[in-house]
Amino acid sequence: MGSDVEEILAKTRSTHAKLLAFLQGIAPDVADRRLGEGWTIRETVGHLVDAEKAHRRFIETVAGGQAMPEVAGFDLNAWNA
């Protein structure tokens, strides 16, 4: 398991570094540009940040051997389908 974790951590670091490098090159007016009805780059990055926080809490819960809390109206399996 140790090598699997190290592999995951290395990939996470690499992906994070690539995303940061890319985002640093985007001008503020481009970050707020909306094409049609879609999200802006800024909104998409905000969504990624929120998702990372939610995934971290899920991992902490599983690692701690705790039961997953119920969230009214949220179905994890449907969300991930």
N, C-alpha and C. Protein backbone atom coordinates (compact mmCIF):
# COMPACT_ATOMS: atom_id res chain seq x y z
N MET A 1 0.82 -1.20 0.00
CA MET A 1 0.00 0.00 0.00
C MET A 1 0.85 1.25 0.00
N GLY A 2 1.99 1.23 0.65
CA GLY A 2 2.83 2.42 0.75
C GLY A 2 3.21 2.99 -0.60
N SER A 3 3.61 2.13 -1.55
CA SER A 3 4.02 2.63 -2.86
C SER A 3 2.82 3.19 -3.61
N ASP A 4 1.63 2.62 -3.42
CA ASP A 4 0.42 3.16 -4.04
C ASP A 4 0.13 4.57 -3.55
N VAL A 5 0.27 4.77 -2.25
CA VAL A 5 0.03 6.09 -1.67
C VAL A 5 1.04 7.09 -2.20
N GLU A 6 2.30 6.69 -2.26
CA GLU A 6 3.34 7.59 -2.78
C GLU A 6 3.07 7.95 -4.25
N GLU A 7 2.59 6.98 -5.00
CA GLU A 7 2.26 7.23 -6.41
C GLU A 7 1.11 8.23 -6.53
N ILE A 8 0.10 8.05 -5.71
CA ILE A 8 -1.04 8.97 -5.70
C ILE A 8 -0.61 10.36 -5.29
N LEU A 9 0.21 10.45 -4.25
CA LEU A 9 0.68 11.76 -3.78
C LEU A 9 1.53 12.46 -4.84
N ALA A 10 2.38 11.71 -5.51
CA ALA A 10 3.22 12.30 -6.56
C ALA A 10 2.35 12.82 -7.71
N LYS A 11 1.36 12.06 -8.10
CA LYS A 11 0.47 12.49 -9.18
C LYS A 11 -0.33 13.72 -8.76
N THR A 12 -0.78 13.74 -7.51
CA THR A 12 -1.54 14.88 -7.00
C THR A 12 -0.67 16.14 -7.00
N ARG A 13 0.56 16.02 -6.53
CA ARG A 13 1.48 17.17 -6.53
C ARG A 13 1.72 17.68 -7.96
N SER A 14 1.94 16.76 -8.87
CA SER A 14 2.23 17.12 -10.25
C SER A 14 1.03 17.81 -10.90
N THR A 15 -0.15 17.25 -10.72
CA THR A 15 -1.36 17.84 -11.29
C THR A 15 -1.61 19.22 -10.70
N HIS A 16 -1.44 19.35 -9.40
CA HIS A 16 -1.65 20.62 -8.73
C HIS A 16 -0.68 21.69 -9.26
N ALA A 17 0.58 21.32 -9.40
CA ALA A 17 1.59 22.25 -9.89
C ALA A 17 1.28 22.69 -11.32
N LYS A 18 0.85 21.76 -12.16
CA LYS A 18 0.51 22.09 -13.54
C LYS A 18 -0.68 23.03 -13.61
N LEU A 19 -1.69 22.77 -12.80
CA LEU A 19 -2.88 23.63 -12.78
C LEU A 19 -2.51 25.03 -12.30
N LEU A 20 -1.73 25.14 -11.22
CA LEU A 20 -1.32 26.45 -10.73
C LEU A 20 -0.52 27.22 -11.77
N ALA A 21 0.40 26.55 -12.43
CA ALA A 21 1.21 27.21 -13.46
C ALA A 21 0.33 27.73 -14.58
N PHE A 22 -0.64 26.95 -14.98
CA PHE A 22 -1.55 27.37 -16.04
C PHE A 22 -2.40 28.56 -15.60
N LEU A 23 -2.97 28.47 -14.40
CA LEU A 23 -3.86 29.53 -13.91
C LEU A 23 -3.12 30.85 -13.70
N GLN A 24 -1.86 30.79 -13.30
CA GLN A 24 -1.09 32.01 -13.08
C GLN A 24 -0.90 32.80 -14.37
N GLY A 25 -1.01 32.15 -15.50
CA GLY A 25 -0.84 32.82 -16.78
C GLY A 25 -2.13 33.39 -17.36
N ILE A 26 -3.23 33.28 -16.63
CA ILE A 26 -4.52 33.75 -17.14
C ILE A 26 -4.81 35.15 -16.60
N ALA A 27 -5.07 36.06 -17.50
CA ALA A 27 -5.39 37.44 -17.11
C ALA A 27 -6.76 37.49 -16.42
N PRO A 28 -6.95 38.41 -15.47
CA PRO A 28 -8.22 38.52 -14.75
C PRO A 28 -9.45 38.64 -15.66
N ASP A 29 -9.33 39.41 -16.75
CA ASP A 29 -10.48 39.56 -17.63
C ASP A 29 -10.82 38.25 -18.33
N VAL A 30 -9.81 37.42 -18.58
CA VAL A 30 -10.05 36.11 -19.19
C VAL A 30 -10.66 35.17 -18.15
N ALA A 31 -10.20 35.25 -16.91
CA ALA A 31 -10.72 34.39 -15.84
C ALA A 31 -12.21 34.63 -15.61
N ASP A 32 -12.68 35.83 -15.92
CA ASP A 32 -14.09 36.17 -15.70
C ASP A 32 -14.92 36.12 -16.98
N ARG A 33 -14.33 35.72 -18.08
CA ARG A 33 -15.04 35.64 -19.35
C ARG A 33 -16.01 34.46 -19.35
N ARG A 34 -17.19 34.71 -19.83
CA ARG A 34 -18.22 33.66 -19.90
C ARG A 34 -18.53 33.41 -21.37
N LEU A 35 -18.47 32.16 -21.74
CA LEU A 35 -18.85 31.78 -23.10
C LEU A 35 -20.24 31.15 -23.04
N GLY A 36 -21.22 31.84 -23.57
CA GLY A 36 -22.58 31.31 -23.54
C GLY A 36 -23.10 31.23 -22.12
N GLU A 37 -23.71 30.11 -21.79
CA GLU A 37 -24.32 29.90 -20.47
C GLU A 37 -23.38 29.18 -19.50
N GLY A 38 -22.18 28.84 -19.95
CA GLY A 38 -21.25 28.07 -19.12
C GLY A 38 -20.60 28.87 -18.01
N TRP A 39 -19.81 28.18 -17.22
CA TRP A 39 -19.10 28.80 -16.12
C TRP A 39 -17.88 29.56 -16.62
N THR A 40 -17.45 30.54 -15.83
CA THR A 40 -16.18 31.21 -16.10
C THR A 40 -15.05 30.34 -15.56
N ILE A 41 -13.83 30.70 -15.91
CA ILE A 41 -12.67 29.99 -15.36
C ILE A 41 -12.65 30.16 -13.84
N ARG A 42 -12.92 31.37 -13.38
CA ARG A 42 -12.92 31.64 -11.93
C ARG A 42 -13.95 30.76 -11.21
N GLU A 43 -15.14 30.64 -11.77
CA GLU A 43 -16.18 29.80 -11.16
C GLU A 43 -15.79 28.33 -11.17
N THR A 44 -15.16 27.89 -12.25
CA THR A 44 -14.73 26.50 -12.34
C THR A 44 -13.66 26.19 -11.29
N VAL A 45 -12.72 27.10 -11.12
CA VAL A 45 -11.67 26.91 -10.10
C VAL A 45 -12.30 26.90 -8.71
N GLY A 46 -13.26 27.77 -8.46
CA GLY A 46 -13.97 27.75 -7.18
C GLY A 46 -14.64 26.41 -6.92
N HIS A 47 -15.22 25.84 -7.98
CA HIS A 47 -15.86 24.53 -7.86
C HIS A 47 -14.82 23.46 -7.53
N LEU A 48 -13.65 23.53 -8.17
CA LEU A 48 -12.58 22.58 -7.87
C LEU A 48 -12.14 22.67 -6.41
N VAL A 49 -12.03 23.89 -5.90
CA VAL A 49 -11.63 24.09 -4.50
C VAL A 49 -12.66 23.48 -3.56
N ASP A 50 -13.94 23.76 -3.82
CA ASP A 50 -15.01 23.19 -2.99
C ASP A 50 -15.00 21.67 -3.05
N ALA A 51 -14.82 21.13 -4.24
CA ALA A 51 -14.81 19.67 -4.40
C ALA A 51 -13.63 19.05 -3.65
N GLU A 52 -12.47 19.71 -3.70
CA GLU A 52 -11.30 19.19 -2.99
C GLU A 52 -11.56 19.15 -1.49
N LYS A 53 -12.20 20.19 -0.96
CA LYS A 53 -12.53 20.21 0.47
C LYS A 53 -13.48 19.07 0.82
N ALA A 54 -14.49 18.86 -0.01
CA ALA A 54 -15.46 17.79 0.24
C ALA A 54 -14.80 16.43 0.17
N HIS A 55 -13.93 16.23 -0.81
CA HIS A 55 -13.25 14.95 -0.92
C HIS A 55 -12.31 14.71 0.25
N ARG A 56 -11.64 15.77 0.71
CA ARG A 56 -10.76 15.62 1.88
C ARG A 56 -11.56 15.17 3.09
N ARG A 57 -12.73 15.80 3.31
CA ARG A 57 -13.57 15.39 4.46
C ARG A 57 -14.00 13.94 4.34
N PHE A 58 -14.35 13.52 3.12
CA PHE A 58 -14.74 12.13 2.89
C PHE A 58 -13.58 11.19 3.23
N ILE A 59 -12.38 11.51 2.75
CA ILE A 59 -11.20 10.67 3.02
C ILE A 59 -10.90 10.63 4.51
N GLU A 60 -10.99 11.78 5.18
CA GLU A 60 -10.74 11.82 6.63
C GLU A 60 -11.76 10.97 7.38
N THR A 61 -13.00 11.00 6.93
CA THR A 61 -14.06 10.20 7.57
C THR A 61 -13.78 8.72 7.41
N VAL A 62 -13.46 8.30 6.18
CA VAL A 62 -13.18 6.89 5.92
C VAL A 62 -11.93 6.45 6.68
N ALA A 63 -10.88 7.26 6.64
CA ALA A 63 -9.63 6.91 7.32
C ALA A 63 -9.83 6.80 8.83
N GLY A 64 -10.74 7.62 9.37
CA GLY A 64 -11.01 7.60 10.80
C GLY A 64 -11.99 6.51 11.22
N GLY A 65 -12.50 5.74 10.25
CA GLY A 65 -13.42 4.65 10.56
C GLY A 65 -14.78 5.13 11.02
N GLN A 66 -15.12 6.35 10.67
CA GLN A 66 -16.41 6.92 11.09
C GLN A 66 -17.47 6.63 10.03
N ALA A 67 -18.72 6.69 10.46
CA ALA A 67 -19.83 6.52 9.53
C ALA A 67 -19.99 7.80 8.72
N MET A 68 -20.36 7.65 7.47
CA MET A 68 -20.59 8.81 6.63
C MET A 68 -21.85 9.54 7.11
N PRO A 69 -21.75 10.85 7.30
CA PRO A 69 -22.93 11.59 7.73
C PRO A 69 -23.96 11.68 6.60
N GLU A 70 -25.20 11.71 6.98
CA GLU A 70 -26.28 11.87 6.01
C GLU A 70 -26.40 13.34 5.65
N VAL A 71 -26.50 13.62 4.38
CA VAL A 71 -26.73 14.98 3.91
C VAL A 71 -28.07 14.98 3.20
N ALA A 72 -29.02 15.71 3.74
CA ALA A 72 -30.39 15.72 3.20
C ALA A 72 -30.38 16.08 1.72
N GLY A 73 -31.02 15.23 0.92
CA GLY A 73 -31.17 15.49 -0.50
C GLY A 73 -29.93 15.22 -1.33
N PHE A 74 -28.89 14.65 -0.73
CA PHE A 74 -27.66 14.37 -1.49
C PHE A 74 -27.42 12.88 -1.59
N ASP A 75 -27.24 12.40 -2.81
CA ASP A 75 -26.97 11.00 -3.07
C ASP A 75 -25.60 10.91 -3.75
N LEU A 76 -24.59 10.46 -3.02
CA LEU A 76 -23.23 10.41 -3.52
C LEU A 76 -23.14 9.56 -4.79
N ASN A 77 -23.83 8.43 -4.81
CA ASN A 77 -23.77 7.56 -5.99
C ASN A 77 -24.40 8.23 -7.20
N ALA A 78 -25.50 8.92 -7.01
CA ALA A 78 -26.14 9.64 -8.12
C ALA A 78 -25.24 10.78 -8.59
N TRP A 79 -24.62 11.48 -7.66
CA TRP A 79 -23.73 12.60 -8.00
C TRP A 79 -22.56 12.13 -8.84
N ASN A 80 -22.04 10.96 -8.52
CA ASN A 80 -20.86 10.43 -9.22
C ASN A 80 -21.20 9.64 -10.47
N ALA A 81 -22.48 9.44 -10.74
CA ALA A 81 -22.89 8.64 -11.91
C ALA A 81 -22.61 9.36 -13.21
